[in-house]
């Protein structure tokens, strides 16, 4: 997890630098994967020395964690809210889609190279995330078929939000959510 030393400083210049580092790092992680991108690669692309990059992030893991943490926090907040309010399936699927779409670049990088998850305290988080989503969609005591439907609906919707950039957002959201609902409701 990112610590205070790797958090963006609050003056505009440093925040801009952090944003630029994030953009370049994420571009490289998407192209090469987490495991095949070094801090030197990122520094070179930015026109910085590696020492200058280390000023902002102590390690590649700190940098990756700072990229993942906003998405992780958003997912956790969404699931906490959903567990308290028990929204209808459509609202839940729309929320999942919106989260995945908003954070699609980091999620796509993680799909392509899951080693990035090792940079955050993710052991158990992904499993708990899946279990919570499954419980919200399939209920507390679901049948095996209900569990499978929940997993297929969530995973399919997540992938649609991240890997289909050629379909306009509104159409992709509507179709993904509608198909997710069909999967959940088709009990034949």
N, C-alpha and C. Protein backbone atom coordinates (compact mmCIF):
# COMPACT_ATOMS: atom_id res chain seq x y z
N UNK A 1 0.84 -1.17 0.00
CA UNK A 1 0.00 0.00 0.00
C UNK A 1 0.89 1.24 0.00
N UNK A 2 0.46 2.27 -0.64
CA UNK A 2 1.22 3.51 -0.69
C UNK A 2 1.27 4.11 0.71
N UNK A 3 2.43 4.64 1.07
CA UNK A 3 2.54 5.30 2.37
C UNK A 3 2.67 6.80 2.17
N UNK A 4 2.86 7.51 3.28
CA UNK A 4 2.88 8.97 3.21
C UNK A 4 3.99 9.48 2.30
N UNK A 5 5.10 8.77 2.22
CA UNK A 5 6.20 9.23 1.38
C UNK A 5 5.87 9.15 -0.10
N UNK A 6 4.90 8.31 -0.45
CA UNK A 6 4.56 8.19 -1.87
C UNK A 6 3.25 8.88 -2.23
N UNK A 7 2.65 9.55 -1.27
CA UNK A 7 1.43 10.31 -1.55
C UNK A 7 1.78 11.60 -2.27
N UNK A 8 0.93 12.05 -3.20
CA UNK A 8 1.21 13.30 -3.89
C UNK A 8 1.29 14.46 -2.90
N UNK A 9 2.26 15.31 -3.10
CA UNK A 9 2.34 16.52 -2.30
C UNK A 9 1.22 17.45 -2.74
N UNK A 10 0.83 18.34 -1.90
CA UNK A 10 -0.38 19.11 -2.15
C UNK A 10 -0.17 20.37 -2.99
N UNK A 11 1.06 20.72 -3.34
CA UNK A 11 1.18 21.88 -4.22
C UNK A 11 0.90 21.44 -5.65
N UNK A 12 0.44 22.35 -6.46
CA UNK A 12 0.01 22.01 -7.82
C UNK A 12 1.09 21.39 -8.67
N UNK A 13 2.31 21.86 -8.55
CA UNK A 13 3.39 21.36 -9.39
C UNK A 13 3.68 19.88 -9.12
N UNK A 14 3.76 19.51 -7.84
CA UNK A 14 4.03 18.12 -7.51
C UNK A 14 2.86 17.22 -7.88
N UNK A 15 1.64 17.72 -7.69
CA UNK A 15 0.46 16.95 -8.08
C UNK A 15 0.46 16.72 -9.58
N UNK A 16 0.80 17.75 -10.36
CA UNK A 16 0.90 17.59 -11.81
C UNK A 16 1.95 16.55 -12.17
N UNK A 17 3.08 16.58 -11.47
CA UNK A 17 4.14 15.60 -11.72
C UNK A 17 3.64 14.19 -11.43
N UNK A 18 2.95 14.02 -10.31
CA UNK A 18 2.40 12.71 -9.98
C UNK A 18 1.40 12.25 -11.04
N UNK A 19 0.56 13.15 -11.50
CA UNK A 19 -0.40 12.78 -12.55
C UNK A 19 0.32 12.36 -13.81
N UNK A 20 1.35 13.07 -14.17
CA UNK A 20 2.12 12.73 -15.37
C UNK A 20 2.82 11.38 -15.19
N UNK A 21 3.40 11.15 -14.02
CA UNK A 21 4.03 9.86 -13.74
C UNK A 21 2.99 8.75 -13.85
N UNK A 22 1.82 8.96 -13.28
CA UNK A 22 0.75 7.96 -13.35
C UNK A 22 0.36 7.66 -14.79
N UNK A 23 0.17 8.70 -15.57
CA UNK A 23 -0.24 8.50 -16.97
C UNK A 23 0.80 7.72 -17.75
N UNK A 24 2.05 8.12 -17.63
CA UNK A 24 3.13 7.44 -18.37
C UNK A 24 3.31 6.02 -17.86
N UNK A 25 3.33 5.84 -16.55
CA UNK A 25 3.50 4.50 -15.99
C UNK A 25 2.37 3.58 -16.43
N UNK A 26 1.14 4.06 -16.37
CA UNK A 26 0.01 3.22 -16.76
C UNK A 26 0.07 2.88 -18.25
N UNK A 27 0.46 3.84 -19.08
CA UNK A 27 0.64 3.55 -20.51
C UNK A 27 1.65 2.43 -20.70
N UNK A 28 2.77 2.51 -20.01
CA UNK A 28 3.81 1.48 -20.15
C UNK A 28 3.35 0.14 -19.57
N UNK A 29 2.65 0.17 -18.44
CA UNK A 29 2.15 -1.07 -17.86
C UNK A 29 1.14 -1.74 -18.80
N UNK A 30 0.33 -0.94 -19.47
CA UNK A 30 -0.62 -1.50 -20.44
C UNK A 30 0.10 -2.08 -21.65
N UNK A 31 1.17 -1.45 -22.08
CA UNK A 31 1.92 -1.94 -23.24
C UNK A 31 2.77 -3.16 -22.90
N UNK A 32 3.47 -3.12 -21.76
CA UNK A 32 4.49 -4.13 -21.45
C UNK A 32 4.14 -5.05 -20.29
N UNK A 33 3.18 -4.65 -19.50
CA UNK A 33 2.88 -5.40 -18.27
C UNK A 33 3.67 -4.83 -17.10
N UNK A 34 3.21 -5.14 -15.90
CA UNK A 34 3.88 -4.66 -14.70
C UNK A 34 5.26 -5.28 -14.57
N UNK A 35 5.34 -6.58 -14.82
CA UNK A 35 6.60 -7.28 -14.60
C UNK A 35 7.67 -6.94 -15.62
N UNK A 36 7.29 -6.41 -16.77
CA UNK A 36 8.26 -6.09 -17.82
C UNK A 36 8.51 -4.59 -17.96
N UNK A 37 8.06 -3.82 -17.00
CA UNK A 37 8.29 -2.37 -17.01
C UNK A 37 9.10 -2.02 -15.76
N UNK A 38 10.20 -1.35 -15.95
CA UNK A 38 11.04 -0.95 -14.83
C UNK A 38 10.85 0.53 -14.52
N UNK A 39 11.29 0.92 -13.34
CA UNK A 39 11.27 2.35 -13.01
C UNK A 39 12.17 3.12 -13.97
N UNK A 40 13.23 2.50 -14.44
CA UNK A 40 14.10 3.16 -15.41
C UNK A 40 13.34 3.41 -16.71
N UNK A 41 12.52 2.44 -17.15
CA UNK A 41 11.70 2.64 -18.35
C UNK A 41 10.78 3.85 -18.18
N UNK A 42 10.16 3.93 -17.02
CA UNK A 42 9.23 5.03 -16.74
C UNK A 42 9.98 6.36 -16.70
N UNK A 43 11.11 6.36 -16.00
CA UNK A 43 11.92 7.58 -15.92
C UNK A 43 12.37 8.03 -17.31
N UNK A 44 12.82 7.08 -18.13
CA UNK A 44 13.26 7.42 -19.49
C UNK A 44 12.12 8.04 -20.30
N UNK A 45 10.94 7.44 -20.21
CA UNK A 45 9.79 7.94 -20.95
C UNK A 45 9.40 9.35 -20.49
N UNK A 46 9.60 9.62 -19.21
CA UNK A 46 9.28 10.93 -18.64
C UNK A 46 10.39 11.96 -18.86
N UNK A 47 11.56 11.48 -19.26
CA UNK A 47 12.69 12.39 -19.38
C UNK A 47 13.28 12.76 -18.03
N UNK A 48 13.13 11.86 -17.06
CA UNK A 48 13.65 12.08 -15.71
C UNK A 48 14.78 11.09 -15.44
N UNK A 49 15.55 11.38 -14.41
CA UNK A 49 16.49 10.38 -13.93
C UNK A 49 15.72 9.42 -13.02
N UNK A 50 16.29 8.24 -12.83
CA UNK A 50 15.64 7.30 -11.92
C UNK A 50 15.61 7.88 -10.51
N UNK A 51 16.64 8.62 -10.13
CA UNK A 51 16.67 9.25 -8.81
C UNK A 51 15.52 10.23 -8.64
N UNK A 52 15.21 10.97 -9.70
CA UNK A 52 14.09 11.92 -9.63
C UNK A 52 12.77 11.17 -9.45
N UNK A 53 12.64 10.02 -10.09
CA UNK A 53 11.43 9.22 -9.93
C UNK A 53 11.35 8.65 -8.51
N UNK A 54 12.51 8.25 -7.97
CA UNK A 54 12.55 7.75 -6.59
C UNK A 54 12.18 8.83 -5.58
N UNK A 55 12.34 10.07 -5.94
CA UNK A 55 11.92 11.17 -5.07
C UNK A 55 10.40 11.09 -4.84
N UNK A 56 9.68 10.68 -5.85
CA UNK A 56 8.22 10.61 -5.77
C UNK A 56 7.72 9.25 -5.28
N UNK A 57 8.42 8.18 -5.64
CA UNK A 57 8.00 6.82 -5.26
C UNK A 57 9.23 6.03 -4.85
N UNK A 58 9.15 5.37 -3.71
CA UNK A 58 10.29 4.61 -3.19
C UNK A 58 10.60 3.37 -4.01
N UNK A 59 9.58 2.84 -4.69
CA UNK A 59 9.76 1.60 -5.44
C UNK A 59 8.68 1.50 -6.51
N UNK A 60 8.85 0.55 -7.39
CA UNK A 60 7.82 0.30 -8.39
C UNK A 60 6.53 -0.16 -7.72
N UNK A 61 6.65 -0.95 -6.66
CA UNK A 61 5.45 -1.38 -5.94
C UNK A 61 4.69 -0.20 -5.37
N UNK A 62 5.39 0.80 -4.84
CA UNK A 62 4.72 2.00 -4.33
C UNK A 62 3.98 2.73 -5.45
N UNK A 63 4.61 2.81 -6.60
CA UNK A 63 3.97 3.47 -7.75
C UNK A 63 2.73 2.69 -8.19
N UNK A 64 2.86 1.37 -8.31
CA UNK A 64 1.72 0.55 -8.72
C UNK A 64 0.60 0.67 -7.69
N UNK A 65 0.95 0.62 -6.42
CA UNK A 65 -0.06 0.74 -5.36
C UNK A 65 -0.80 2.07 -5.47
N UNK A 66 -0.07 3.14 -5.80
CA UNK A 66 -0.73 4.45 -5.92
C UNK A 66 -1.66 4.50 -7.13
N UNK A 67 -1.41 3.66 -8.13
CA UNK A 67 -2.30 3.57 -9.28
C UNK A 67 -3.55 2.74 -8.96
N UNK A 68 -3.37 1.68 -8.19
CA UNK A 68 -4.46 0.75 -7.89
C UNK A 68 -5.35 1.27 -6.77
N UNK A 69 -4.77 1.95 -5.79
CA UNK A 69 -5.51 2.32 -4.58
C UNK A 69 -6.81 3.09 -4.83
N UNK A 70 -6.84 4.08 -5.73
CA UNK A 70 -8.12 4.77 -5.95
C UNK A 70 -9.22 3.83 -6.45
N UNK A 71 -8.88 2.89 -7.32
CA UNK A 71 -9.89 1.93 -7.80
C UNK A 71 -10.32 1.01 -6.66
N UNK A 72 -9.37 0.54 -5.89
CA UNK A 72 -9.67 -0.34 -4.76
C UNK A 72 -10.58 0.39 -3.77
N UNK A 73 -10.25 1.64 -3.45
CA UNK A 73 -11.07 2.41 -2.51
C UNK A 73 -12.49 2.62 -3.04
N UNK A 74 -12.61 2.89 -4.35
CA UNK A 74 -13.93 3.11 -4.96
C UNK A 74 -14.75 1.83 -4.92
N UNK A 75 -14.13 0.70 -5.21
CA UNK A 75 -14.84 -0.58 -5.18
C UNK A 75 -15.29 -0.88 -3.75
N UNK A 76 -14.39 -0.71 -2.79
CA UNK A 76 -14.74 -0.97 -1.39
C UNK A 76 -15.90 -0.09 -0.93
N UNK A 77 -15.87 1.19 -1.27
CA UNK A 77 -16.94 2.11 -0.89
C UNK A 77 -18.26 1.71 -1.54
N UNK A 78 -18.20 1.33 -2.81
CA UNK A 78 -19.41 0.90 -3.51
C UNK A 78 -20.01 -0.34 -2.86
N UNK A 79 -19.18 -1.33 -2.57
CA UNK A 79 -19.68 -2.56 -1.97
C UNK A 79 -20.20 -2.33 -0.56
N UNK A 80 -19.52 -1.48 0.21
CA UNK A 80 -20.01 -1.15 1.56
C UNK A 80 -21.40 -0.52 1.47
N UNK A 81 -21.55 0.43 0.55
CA UNK A 81 -22.85 1.09 0.36
C UNK A 81 -23.90 0.07 -0.09
N UNK A 82 -23.55 -0.78 -1.03
CA UNK A 82 -24.50 -1.77 -1.54
C UNK A 82 -24.93 -2.74 -0.45
N UNK A 83 -24.02 -3.13 0.42
CA UNK A 83 -24.38 -4.05 1.51
C UNK A 83 -25.33 -3.39 2.50
N UNK A 84 -25.18 -2.08 2.70
CA UNK A 84 -26.07 -1.37 3.62
C UNK A 84 -27.44 -1.10 3.02
N UNK A 85 -27.50 -0.88 1.69
CA UNK A 85 -28.75 -0.44 1.07
C UNK A 85 -29.47 -1.53 0.29
N UNK A 86 -28.79 -2.63 -0.03
CA UNK A 86 -29.36 -3.75 -0.78
C UNK A 86 -30.13 -3.27 -2.03
N UNK A 87 -29.42 -2.65 -2.98
CA UNK A 87 -30.09 -2.12 -4.17
C UNK A 87 -30.58 -3.23 -5.09
N UNK A 88 -31.52 -2.91 -5.98
CA UNK A 88 -31.97 -3.90 -6.96
C UNK A 88 -30.81 -4.30 -7.88
N UNK A 89 -30.94 -5.45 -8.51
CA UNK A 89 -29.87 -5.99 -9.35
C UNK A 89 -29.44 -5.00 -10.44
N UNK A 90 -30.39 -4.33 -11.07
CA UNK A 90 -30.03 -3.38 -12.14
C UNK A 90 -29.11 -2.29 -11.60
N UNK A 91 -29.47 -1.72 -10.47
CA UNK A 91 -28.65 -0.65 -9.88
C UNK A 91 -27.26 -1.17 -9.51
N UNK A 92 -27.21 -2.38 -8.99
CA UNK A 92 -25.93 -2.99 -8.64
C UNK A 92 -25.05 -3.20 -9.87
N UNK A 93 -25.64 -3.74 -10.93
CA UNK A 93 -24.88 -3.97 -12.16
C UNK A 93 -24.44 -2.65 -12.79
N UNK A 94 -25.31 -1.65 -12.76
CA UNK A 94 -24.92 -0.33 -13.29
C UNK A 94 -23.74 0.24 -12.50
N UNK A 95 -23.79 0.08 -11.19
CA UNK A 95 -22.68 0.55 -10.36
C UNK A 95 -21.38 -0.18 -10.65
N UNK A 96 -21.47 -1.51 -10.79
CA UNK A 96 -20.27 -2.29 -11.14
C UNK A 96 -19.72 -1.85 -12.49
N UNK A 97 -20.61 -1.67 -13.44
CA UNK A 97 -20.16 -1.23 -14.76
C UNK A 97 -19.46 0.12 -14.66
N UNK A 98 -20.10 1.07 -13.98
CA UNK A 98 -19.53 2.41 -13.87
C UNK A 98 -18.15 2.40 -13.21
N UNK A 99 -18.00 1.60 -12.15
CA UNK A 99 -16.69 1.49 -11.49
C UNK A 99 -15.64 0.93 -12.44
N UNK A 100 -16.01 -0.15 -13.11
CA UNK A 100 -15.06 -0.77 -14.04
C UNK A 100 -14.72 0.16 -15.19
N UNK A 101 -15.70 0.88 -15.67
CA UNK A 101 -15.45 1.79 -16.79
C UNK A 101 -14.56 2.95 -16.36
N UNK A 102 -14.86 3.51 -15.21
CA UNK A 102 -14.09 4.66 -14.71
C UNK A 102 -12.63 4.28 -14.45
N UNK A 103 -12.39 3.07 -14.00
CA UNK A 103 -11.04 2.60 -13.67
C UNK A 103 -10.54 1.56 -14.67
N UNK A 104 -11.08 1.61 -15.89
CA UNK A 104 -10.82 0.55 -16.87
C UNK A 104 -9.35 0.38 -17.22
N UNK A 105 -8.59 1.45 -17.26
CA UNK A 105 -7.19 1.32 -17.66
C UNK A 105 -6.39 0.52 -16.63
N UNK A 106 -6.59 0.80 -15.35
CA UNK A 106 -5.84 0.03 -14.35
C UNK A 106 -6.37 -1.39 -14.28
N UNK A 107 -7.69 -1.59 -14.41
CA UNK A 107 -8.22 -2.95 -14.39
C UNK A 107 -7.74 -3.74 -15.59
N UNK A 108 -7.67 -3.11 -16.75
CA UNK A 108 -7.17 -3.79 -17.94
C UNK A 108 -5.70 -4.17 -17.75
N UNK A 109 -4.91 -3.29 -17.17
CA UNK A 109 -3.51 -3.62 -16.89
C UNK A 109 -3.41 -4.81 -15.94
N UNK A 110 -4.30 -4.87 -14.95
CA UNK A 110 -4.29 -5.99 -14.00
C UNK A 110 -4.78 -7.28 -14.65
N UNK A 111 -5.72 -7.19 -15.57
CA UNK A 111 -6.18 -8.38 -16.29
C UNK A 111 -5.04 -8.93 -17.14
N UNK A 112 -4.33 -8.04 -17.79
CA UNK A 112 -3.23 -8.46 -18.67
C UNK A 112 -2.04 -9.00 -17.88
N UNK A 113 -1.80 -8.44 -16.70
CA UNK A 113 -0.66 -8.86 -15.88
C UNK A 113 -1.04 -8.75 -14.41
N UNK A 114 -1.63 -9.82 -13.85
CA UNK A 114 -2.11 -9.77 -12.47
C UNK A 114 -1.02 -9.61 -11.41
N UNK A 115 0.25 -9.67 -11.81
CA UNK A 115 1.31 -9.50 -10.82
C UNK A 115 1.25 -8.13 -10.14
N UNK A 116 0.60 -7.17 -10.77
CA UNK A 116 0.46 -5.85 -10.17
C UNK A 116 -0.31 -5.87 -8.86
N UNK A 117 -1.17 -6.87 -8.68
CA UNK A 117 -1.94 -6.96 -7.44
C UNK A 117 -1.05 -7.22 -6.24
N UNK A 118 0.12 -7.77 -6.48
CA UNK A 118 1.05 -8.00 -5.38
C UNK A 118 1.58 -6.71 -4.78
N UNK A 119 1.37 -5.61 -5.46
CA UNK A 119 1.87 -4.31 -5.00
C UNK A 119 0.97 -3.66 -3.96
N UNK A 120 -0.23 -4.15 -3.84
CA UNK A 120 -1.13 -3.66 -2.79
C UNK A 120 -1.44 -4.83 -1.88
N UNK A 121 -1.97 -4.55 -0.76
CA UNK A 121 -2.33 -5.61 0.17
C UNK A 121 -3.59 -6.28 -0.37
N UNK A 122 -3.43 -7.05 -1.44
CA UNK A 122 -4.58 -7.58 -2.17
C UNK A 122 -4.91 -9.02 -1.83
N UNK A 123 -4.06 -9.66 -1.03
CA UNK A 123 -4.37 -11.04 -0.69
C UNK A 123 -5.69 -11.06 0.06
N UNK A 124 -6.60 -11.76 -0.44
CA UNK A 124 -7.91 -11.82 0.17
C UNK A 124 -8.88 -10.77 -0.34
N UNK A 125 -8.36 -9.60 -0.78
CA UNK A 125 -9.26 -8.54 -1.24
C UNK A 125 -10.05 -8.98 -2.46
N UNK A 126 -9.39 -9.54 -3.44
CA UNK A 126 -10.07 -9.95 -4.66
C UNK A 126 -11.07 -11.06 -4.36
N UNK A 127 -10.68 -12.00 -3.50
CA UNK A 127 -11.59 -13.09 -3.12
C UNK A 127 -12.80 -12.54 -2.38
N UNK A 128 -12.57 -11.63 -1.45
CA UNK A 128 -13.68 -11.03 -0.70
C UNK A 128 -14.57 -10.19 -1.60
N UNK A 129 -13.97 -9.47 -2.52
CA UNK A 129 -14.72 -8.68 -3.50
C UNK A 129 -15.67 -9.59 -4.28
N UNK A 130 -15.14 -10.69 -4.79
CA UNK A 130 -15.96 -11.62 -5.57
C UNK A 130 -17.07 -12.22 -4.71
N UNK A 131 -16.74 -12.60 -3.48
CA UNK A 131 -17.75 -13.19 -2.59
C UNK A 131 -18.85 -12.19 -2.24
N UNK A 132 -18.47 -10.95 -2.00
CA UNK A 132 -19.46 -9.91 -1.67
C UNK A 132 -20.37 -9.64 -2.86
N UNK A 133 -19.78 -9.49 -4.04
CA UNK A 133 -20.58 -9.25 -5.25
C UNK A 133 -21.52 -10.42 -5.50
N UNK A 134 -21.01 -11.62 -5.32
CA UNK A 134 -21.82 -12.82 -5.52
C UNK A 134 -23.00 -12.85 -4.53
N UNK A 135 -22.72 -12.54 -3.28
CA UNK A 135 -23.76 -12.53 -2.25
C UNK A 135 -24.83 -11.48 -2.55
N UNK A 136 -24.39 -10.30 -3.01
CA UNK A 136 -25.33 -9.23 -3.33
C UNK A 136 -26.25 -9.61 -4.49
N UNK A 137 -25.72 -10.34 -5.46
CA UNK A 137 -26.51 -10.69 -6.64
C UNK A 137 -27.26 -12.01 -6.51
N UNK A 138 -26.71 -12.94 -5.74
CA UNK A 138 -27.32 -14.27 -5.68
C UNK A 138 -27.97 -14.58 -4.34
N UNK A 139 -27.80 -13.71 -3.37
CA UNK A 139 -28.41 -13.93 -2.06
C UNK A 139 -27.46 -14.61 -1.10
N UNK A 140 -27.91 -14.75 0.15
CA UNK A 140 -27.06 -15.31 1.20
C UNK A 140 -26.89 -16.82 1.10
N UNK A 141 -27.85 -17.51 0.52
CA UNK A 141 -27.79 -18.97 0.43
C UNK A 141 -28.12 -19.39 -1.01
N UNK A 142 -27.27 -19.02 -1.95
CA UNK A 142 -27.59 -19.28 -3.35
C UNK A 142 -27.35 -20.74 -3.75
N UNK A 143 -28.05 -21.14 -4.78
CA UNK A 143 -27.79 -22.44 -5.39
C UNK A 143 -26.48 -22.34 -6.17
N UNK A 144 -25.89 -23.48 -6.52
CA UNK A 144 -24.70 -23.41 -7.39
C UNK A 144 -24.99 -22.64 -8.68
N UNK A 145 -26.18 -22.86 -9.25
CA UNK A 145 -26.54 -22.16 -10.48
C UNK A 145 -26.61 -20.65 -10.26
N UNK A 146 -27.17 -20.23 -9.13
CA UNK A 146 -27.25 -18.81 -8.81
C UNK A 146 -25.88 -18.19 -8.62
N UNK A 147 -24.98 -18.93 -7.98
CA UNK A 147 -23.60 -18.44 -7.80
C UNK A 147 -22.90 -18.29 -9.14
N UNK A 148 -23.07 -19.28 -10.00
CA UNK A 148 -22.44 -19.23 -11.32
C UNK A 148 -22.98 -18.04 -12.11
N UNK A 149 -24.29 -17.85 -12.07
CA UNK A 149 -24.90 -16.72 -12.79
C UNK A 149 -24.34 -15.38 -12.29
N UNK A 150 -24.20 -15.25 -10.98
CA UNK A 150 -23.66 -14.00 -10.42
C UNK A 150 -22.23 -13.76 -10.89
N UNK A 151 -21.41 -14.81 -10.88
CA UNK A 151 -20.02 -14.67 -11.32
C UNK A 151 -19.95 -14.33 -12.80
N UNK A 152 -20.75 -15.02 -13.62
CA UNK A 152 -20.75 -14.75 -15.06
C UNK A 152 -21.23 -13.32 -15.33
N UNK A 153 -22.27 -12.90 -14.64
CA UNK A 153 -22.80 -11.54 -14.86
C UNK A 153 -21.76 -10.48 -14.48
N UNK A 154 -21.16 -10.61 -13.31
CA UNK A 154 -20.18 -9.61 -12.86
C UNK A 154 -18.92 -9.64 -13.71
N UNK A 155 -18.37 -10.82 -13.94
CA UNK A 155 -17.13 -10.89 -14.72
C UNK A 155 -17.35 -10.46 -16.16
N UNK A 156 -18.47 -10.84 -16.75
CA UNK A 156 -18.76 -10.42 -18.12
C UNK A 156 -18.93 -8.92 -18.21
N UNK A 157 -19.65 -8.37 -17.27
CA UNK A 157 -19.87 -6.92 -17.24
C UNK A 157 -18.55 -6.17 -17.04
N UNK A 158 -17.72 -6.67 -16.14
CA UNK A 158 -16.42 -6.05 -15.88
C UNK A 158 -15.55 -6.06 -17.12
N UNK A 159 -15.51 -7.19 -17.79
CA UNK A 159 -14.70 -7.28 -19.01
C UNK A 159 -15.23 -6.37 -20.10
N UNK A 160 -16.54 -6.33 -20.26
CA UNK A 160 -17.13 -5.44 -21.28
C UNK A 160 -16.70 -4.00 -21.04
N UNK A 161 -16.72 -3.58 -19.79
CA UNK A 161 -16.37 -2.19 -19.45
C UNK A 161 -14.91 -1.88 -19.74
N UNK A 162 -14.05 -2.91 -19.72
CA UNK A 162 -12.62 -2.65 -19.88
C UNK A 162 -12.08 -2.96 -21.27
N UNK A 163 -12.66 -3.91 -21.98
CA UNK A 163 -12.01 -4.36 -23.23
C UNK A 163 -12.78 -4.02 -24.51
N UNK A 164 -13.85 -3.26 -24.42
CA UNK A 164 -14.62 -2.92 -25.62
C UNK A 164 -14.68 -1.40 -25.83
N UNK A 165 -13.53 -0.77 -26.03
CA UNK A 165 -13.52 0.70 -26.14
C UNK A 165 -14.16 1.24 -27.41
N UNK A 166 -14.38 0.37 -28.39
CA UNK A 166 -14.94 0.84 -29.66
C UNK A 166 -16.46 1.02 -29.61
N UNK A 167 -17.11 0.50 -28.58
CA UNK A 167 -18.56 0.66 -28.44
C UNK A 167 -18.81 1.90 -27.58
N UNK A 168 -19.67 2.81 -28.04
CA UNK A 168 -19.95 4.03 -27.27
C UNK A 168 -20.39 3.69 -25.84
N UNK A 169 -19.93 4.48 -24.89
CA UNK A 169 -20.17 4.24 -23.47
C UNK A 169 -21.62 3.92 -23.13
N UNK A 170 -22.55 4.79 -23.52
CA UNK A 170 -23.95 4.60 -23.12
C UNK A 170 -24.52 3.30 -23.66
N UNK A 171 -24.19 2.99 -24.90
CA UNK A 171 -24.67 1.74 -25.50
C UNK A 171 -24.04 0.53 -24.81
N UNK A 172 -22.75 0.61 -24.55
CA UNK A 172 -22.04 -0.49 -23.89
C UNK A 172 -22.60 -0.72 -22.49
N UNK A 173 -22.86 0.35 -21.76
CA UNK A 173 -23.41 0.24 -20.40
C UNK A 173 -24.80 -0.40 -20.44
N UNK A 174 -25.66 0.13 -21.31
CA UNK A 174 -27.03 -0.38 -21.40
C UNK A 174 -27.04 -1.86 -21.77
N UNK A 175 -26.30 -2.21 -22.81
CA UNK A 175 -26.30 -3.61 -23.27
C UNK A 175 -25.66 -4.55 -22.25
N UNK A 176 -24.57 -4.12 -21.65
CA UNK A 176 -23.89 -4.96 -20.66
C UNK A 176 -24.79 -5.23 -19.46
N UNK A 177 -25.43 -4.19 -18.96
CA UNK A 177 -26.32 -4.34 -17.81
C UNK A 177 -27.53 -5.20 -18.18
N UNK A 178 -28.12 -4.95 -19.34
CA UNK A 178 -29.27 -5.75 -19.77
C UNK A 178 -28.92 -7.23 -19.90
N UNK A 179 -27.76 -7.52 -20.49
CA UNK A 179 -27.34 -8.92 -20.62
C UNK A 179 -27.00 -9.53 -19.27
N UNK A 180 -26.40 -8.74 -18.39
CA UNK A 180 -26.14 -9.22 -17.03
C UNK A 180 -27.42 -9.58 -16.31
N UNK A 181 -28.45 -8.75 -16.47
CA UNK A 181 -29.75 -9.05 -15.86
C UNK A 181 -30.38 -10.30 -16.46
N UNK A 182 -30.24 -10.47 -17.77
CA UNK A 182 -30.77 -11.69 -18.41
C UNK A 182 -30.10 -12.93 -17.83
N UNK A 183 -28.79 -12.85 -17.65
CA UNK A 183 -28.06 -13.99 -17.08
C UNK A 183 -28.58 -14.29 -15.67
N UNK A 184 -28.78 -13.26 -14.87
CA UNK A 184 -29.24 -13.45 -13.50
C UNK A 184 -30.68 -13.95 -13.43
N UNK A 185 -31.52 -13.49 -14.35
CA UNK A 185 -32.95 -13.80 -14.28
C UNK A 185 -33.35 -15.04 -15.04
N UNK A 186 -32.52 -15.52 -15.95
CA UNK A 186 -32.87 -16.68 -16.77
C UNK A 186 -32.71 -17.95 -15.94
N UNK A 187 -33.77 -18.39 -15.35
CA UNK A 187 -33.73 -19.57 -14.47
C UNK A 187 -34.18 -20.86 -15.15
N UNK A 188 -34.23 -20.85 -16.48
CA UNK A 188 -34.67 -22.06 -17.18
C UNK A 188 -33.66 -23.14 -17.13
